[in-house]
Amino acid sequence: MSDSGFDKTPIRKEADLRFGNELKEAVEHINQGIIITGPSHSGKTVLATAITALGLASRDMITEKATNLLPDLALGGYSTESAQFQKDTQEDINRILEEYLDRYQNLPPILMVDEVTPPYIAFLNQFVDRINQFYSHNNMQHPRFVWVLQGNEPIQMLEGDFEAFHSAYQIDLHKKTADSTSNNVGYRVAAAQTNILKNSLGEGIFNDFVNLLQQQI
């Protein structure tokens, strides 16, 4: 109880990002494409966001606190009917990537595709083709993809007909201990901000990752 007689609501701390070897693995294997698997609350989206943020930094595209741009597309919620999926995702692809061109005169070198579930696998080849066409139209190298697979047993997706999964490097995460003073949203926002990510990793490691990405992509 405070002096005024009212309980104070605890202030959530700034998300304190912690990565194991998985971020280094992703940077080193980015040219294969990356697949991230694991149960809910294992940090899949946070890791993928950090990878894409490093990609932006490698192109001097610095994301700040007020920046809402994240180089990703989440498939959850799209229609699983082919024609409607193609129409809706094409509109969103164009909108998201045109925002990058307007702000940075550049496109993200790494794109995350989140919330990948079995109903969408059949559409992914065309989905990637449309993204690559956007990059080609703007005379830019095609992006590397980070795929975040949902579900505890992704084997049917990995062994399906989507060829990019067959050559991609897989990172399997484990459920993390809950932190009552923060949340997944807070961690993800932090991972997307250049200064927070740099502070969390340490400037030396951050710069090493950025330099390695510059050499590879």
Protein backbone atom coordinates (compact mmCIF):
# COMPACT_ATOMS: atom_id res chain seq x y z
CA MET A 1 0.00 0.00 0.00
CA SER A 2 1.40 3.40 -0.95
CA ASP A 3 1.43 6.48 1.27
CA SER A 4 -1.65 7.78 -0.54
CA GLY A 5 -3.60 4.68 0.41
CA PHE A 6 -3.78 3.26 -3.11
CA ASP A 7 -1.93 0.30 -4.56
CA LYS A 8 0.43 1.18 -7.34
CA THR A 9 0.28 -0.90 -10.50
CA PRO A 10 3.73 -2.40 -11.11
CA ILE A 11 5.51 -0.84 -14.05
CA ARG A 12 6.58 -3.40 -16.61
CA LYS A 13 10.30 -3.31 -17.15
CA GLU A 14 11.92 -2.87 -20.53
CA ALA A 15 12.14 -6.24 -22.17
CA ASP A 16 15.54 -7.77 -21.46
CA LEU A 17 16.40 -9.77 -24.53
CA ARG A 18 18.36 -12.96 -24.10
CA PHE A 19 19.44 -15.25 -26.92
CA GLY A 20 21.44 -18.43 -26.84
CA ASN A 21 23.46 -19.71 -29.77
CA GLU A 22 20.37 -19.71 -31.99
CA LEU A 23 20.78 -16.11 -33.17
CA LYS A 24 24.38 -16.77 -34.22
CA GLU A 25 23.27 -19.96 -35.98
CA ALA A 26 20.59 -18.05 -37.89
CA VAL A 27 23.01 -15.34 -39.03
CA GLU A 28 25.56 -17.91 -40.16
CA HIS A 29 22.98 -19.92 -42.15
CA ILE A 30 20.81 -17.08 -43.43
CA ASN A 31 21.51 -17.85 -47.10
CA GLN A 32 19.83 -21.23 -46.70
CA GLY A 33 16.73 -19.63 -45.28
CA ILE A 34 15.75 -20.24 -41.66
CA ILE A 35 12.92 -22.33 -40.18
CA ILE A 36 12.07 -21.70 -36.53
CA THR A 37 10.02 -24.30 -34.68
CA GLY A 38 9.02 -24.85 -31.07
CA PRO A 39 6.06 -24.70 -28.70
CA SER A 40 4.12 -21.57 -27.78
CA HIS A 41 6.08 -19.13 -25.61
CA SER A 42 9.43 -20.45 -26.79
CA GLY A 43 10.35 -17.11 -28.38
CA LYS A 44 10.01 -18.05 -32.05
CA THR A 45 8.63 -14.70 -33.20
CA VAL A 46 11.02 -12.75 -31.00
CA LEU A 47 14.03 -14.58 -32.46
CA ALA A 48 12.74 -14.08 -36.01
CA THR A 49 12.19 -10.38 -35.33
CA ALA A 50 15.76 -10.01 -34.08
CA ILE A 51 17.05 -11.67 -37.26
CA THR A 52 15.07 -9.32 -39.49
CA ALA A 53 16.14 -6.30 -37.40
CA LEU A 54 19.79 -7.28 -37.89
CA GLY A 55 19.07 -7.55 -41.60
CA LEU A 56 17.71 -4.02 -41.64
CA ALA A 57 20.77 -2.76 -39.75
CA SER A 58 22.98 -4.39 -42.37
CA ARG A 59 21.36 -2.01 -44.88
CA ASP A 60 21.62 0.99 -42.53
CA MET A 61 17.86 0.86 -42.00
CA ILE A 62 17.71 1.80 -38.32
CA THR A 63 14.48 1.05 -36.47
CA GLU A 64 13.53 3.25 -33.54
CA LYS A 65 10.94 3.26 -30.77
CA ALA A 66 8.27 5.00 -32.83
CA THR A 67 8.81 2.73 -35.82
CA ASN A 68 5.89 0.44 -36.52
CA LEU A 69 7.50 -1.14 -39.55
CA LEU A 70 8.49 -4.74 -39.09
CA PRO A 71 9.77 -6.78 -42.03
CA ASP A 72 7.27 -9.56 -41.68
CA LEU A 73 4.06 -11.11 -42.87
CA ALA A 74 1.89 -13.22 -40.56
CA LEU A 75 -0.29 -15.77 -42.32
CA GLY A 76 -2.73 -16.29 -39.46
CA GLY A 77 -6.17 -14.99 -40.39
CA TYR A 78 -5.81 -15.13 -44.16
CA SER A 79 -8.36 -17.12 -46.10
CA THR A 80 -7.34 -20.69 -46.94
CA GLU A 81 -9.17 -20.39 -50.27
CA SER A 82 -6.52 -20.02 -52.96
CA ALA A 83 -7.82 -17.04 -54.94
CA GLN A 84 -8.70 -15.01 -51.84
CA PHE A 85 -5.36 -15.83 -50.20
CA GLN A 86 -3.50 -14.64 -53.28
CA LYS A 87 -5.52 -11.41 -53.50
CA ASP A 88 -5.22 -10.51 -49.83
CA THR A 89 -1.55 -11.36 -49.44
CA GLN A 90 -0.63 -9.53 -52.65
CA GLU A 91 -2.26 -6.37 -51.33
CA ASP A 92 -0.47 -6.69 -48.00
CA ILE A 93 2.88 -7.50 -49.59
CA ASN A 94 2.65 -4.39 -51.74
CA ARG A 95 1.54 -2.18 -48.86
CA ILE A 96 4.23 -3.34 -46.43
CA LEU A 97 7.10 -3.23 -48.91
CA GLU A 98 6.04 0.10 -50.42
CA GLU A 99 6.21 1.57 -46.91
CA TYR A 100 9.85 0.50 -46.75
CA LEU A 101 10.58 2.08 -50.11
CA ASP A 102 8.94 5.30 -48.99
CA ARG A 103 10.81 5.44 -45.70
CA TYR A 104 14.20 3.96 -46.57
CA GLN A 105 14.34 3.84 -50.37
CA ASN A 106 15.27 0.23 -49.78
CA LEU A 107 13.69 -3.14 -49.07
CA PRO A 108 14.35 -5.52 -46.16
CA PRO A 109 17.03 -8.09 -47.05
CA ILE A 110 15.41 -10.60 -44.66
CA LEU A 111 11.67 -11.23 -44.38
CA MET A 112 9.89 -13.16 -41.66
CA VAL A 113 6.79 -15.18 -42.46
CA ASP A 114 5.04 -15.87 -39.17
CA GLU A 115 2.17 -18.17 -38.16
CA VAL A 116 2.81 -20.78 -40.83
CA THR A 117 0.36 -23.67 -40.39
CA PRO A 118 -0.49 -26.64 -42.65
CA PRO A 119 -3.43 -25.01 -44.51
CA TYR A 120 -1.08 -22.40 -46.00
CA ILE A 121 1.69 -24.69 -47.24
CA ALA A 122 0.06 -25.22 -50.64
CA PHE A 123 0.16 -21.46 -51.32
CA LEU A 124 3.73 -20.70 -50.26
CA ASN A 125 5.49 -21.13 -53.62
CA GLN A 126 3.24 -18.52 -55.24
CA PHE A 127 3.52 -16.35 -52.13
CA VAL A 128 7.33 -16.31 -52.41
CA ASP A 129 7.17 -15.74 -56.16
CA ARG A 130 5.06 -12.61 -55.69
CA ILE A 131 7.47 -11.22 -53.09
CA ASN A 132 10.45 -11.94 -55.34
CA GLN A 133 8.69 -10.24 -58.24
CA PHE A 134 8.28 -7.10 -56.14
CA TYR A 135 12.02 -7.08 -55.40
CA SER A 136 12.92 -7.77 -59.05
CA HIS A 137 10.63 -4.95 -60.20
CA ASN A 138 12.60 -2.60 -57.95
CA ASN A 139 15.96 -3.99 -59.12
CA MET A 140 16.80 -5.43 -55.72
CA GLN A 141 18.15 -8.80 -54.71
CA HIS A 142 15.54 -11.28 -53.54
CA PRO A 143 15.21 -11.49 -49.73
CA ARG A 144 16.16 -14.35 -47.45
CA PHE A 145 13.22 -15.84 -45.59
CA VAL A 146 12.74 -16.72 -41.94
CA TRP A 147 9.78 -19.07 -41.51
CA VAL A 148 8.08 -19.33 -38.11
CA LEU A 149 6.13 -22.60 -37.95
CA GLN A 150 3.26 -22.93 -35.50
CA GLY A 151 2.33 -26.14 -33.72
CA ASN A 152 4.22 -28.66 -31.64
CA GLU A 153 4.61 -31.20 -34.45
CA PRO A 154 5.69 -29.40 -37.65
CA ILE A 155 6.92 -32.55 -39.40
CA GLN A 156 4.08 -32.60 -41.93
CA MET A 157 4.97 -29.07 -43.01
CA LEU A 158 8.70 -29.75 -43.21
CA GLU A 159 8.21 -32.85 -45.33
CA GLY A 160 5.59 -31.34 -47.62
CA ASP A 161 5.81 -29.97 -51.15
CA PHE A 162 7.24 -26.54 -50.31
CA GLU A 163 10.78 -26.82 -51.63
CA ALA A 164 12.25 -23.94 -49.61
CA PHE A 165 11.74 -25.93 -46.42
CA HIS A 166 13.87 -28.79 -47.70
CA SER A 167 17.06 -26.71 -47.87
CA ALA A 168 16.41 -24.29 -44.99
CA TYR A 169 18.30 -24.41 -41.71
CA GLN A 170 16.05 -25.40 -38.80
CA ILE A 171 16.26 -23.93 -35.32
CA ASP A 172 14.09 -25.68 -32.72
CA LEU A 173 13.36 -23.68 -29.57
CA HIS A 174 12.16 -24.82 -26.17
CA LYS A 175 9.56 -23.22 -23.94
CA LYS A 176 11.00 -20.44 -21.81
CA THR A 177 10.31 -19.63 -18.18
CA ALA A 178 7.49 -17.10 -17.87
CA ASP A 179 8.41 -13.56 -16.80
CA SER A 180 5.52 -11.88 -15.01
CA THR A 181 7.10 -8.44 -15.39
CA SER A 182 7.15 -8.49 -19.17
CA ASN A 183 5.34 -10.20 -22.03
CA ASN A 184 5.86 -11.57 -25.50
CA VAL A 185 4.69 -8.33 -27.12
CA GLY A 186 7.22 -6.34 -25.12
CA TYR A 187 10.02 -8.66 -26.09
CA ARG A 188 9.11 -8.52 -29.74
CA VAL A 189 8.94 -4.73 -29.81
CA ALA A 190 12.34 -4.63 -28.14
CA ALA A 191 13.83 -7.08 -30.65
CA ALA A 192 12.68 -4.80 -33.48
CA GLN A 193 14.43 -1.72 -32.11
CA THR A 194 18.04 -1.30 -33.16
CA ASN A 195 19.30 0.35 -29.97
CA ILE A 196 17.67 -2.17 -27.60
CA LEU A 197 18.88 -5.13 -29.65
CA LYS A 198 22.40 -3.68 -29.75
CA ASN A 199 22.42 -3.09 -25.99
CA SER A 200 21.10 -6.58 -25.30
CA LEU A 201 23.63 -8.34 -27.50
CA GLY A 202 26.50 -5.99 -26.74
CA GLU A 203 27.83 -3.63 -29.38
CA GLY A 204 30.65 -5.94 -30.43
CA ILE A 205 28.43 -8.97 -31.07
CA PHE A 206 25.77 -6.81 -32.72
CA ASN A 207 28.34 -5.32 -35.11
CA ASP A 208 29.82 -8.76 -35.83
CA PHE A 209 26.37 -10.05 -36.83
CA VAL A 210 25.67 -7.00 -38.99
CA ASN A 211 29.04 -7.27 -40.72
CA LEU A 212 28.54 -10.98 -41.39
CA LEU A 213 25.11 -10.29 -42.89
CA GLN A 214 26.59 -7.56 -45.07
CA GLN A 215 29.08 -10.07 -46.45
CA GLN A 216 26.43 -12.72 -47.08
CA ILE A 217 23.41 -10.80 -48.31
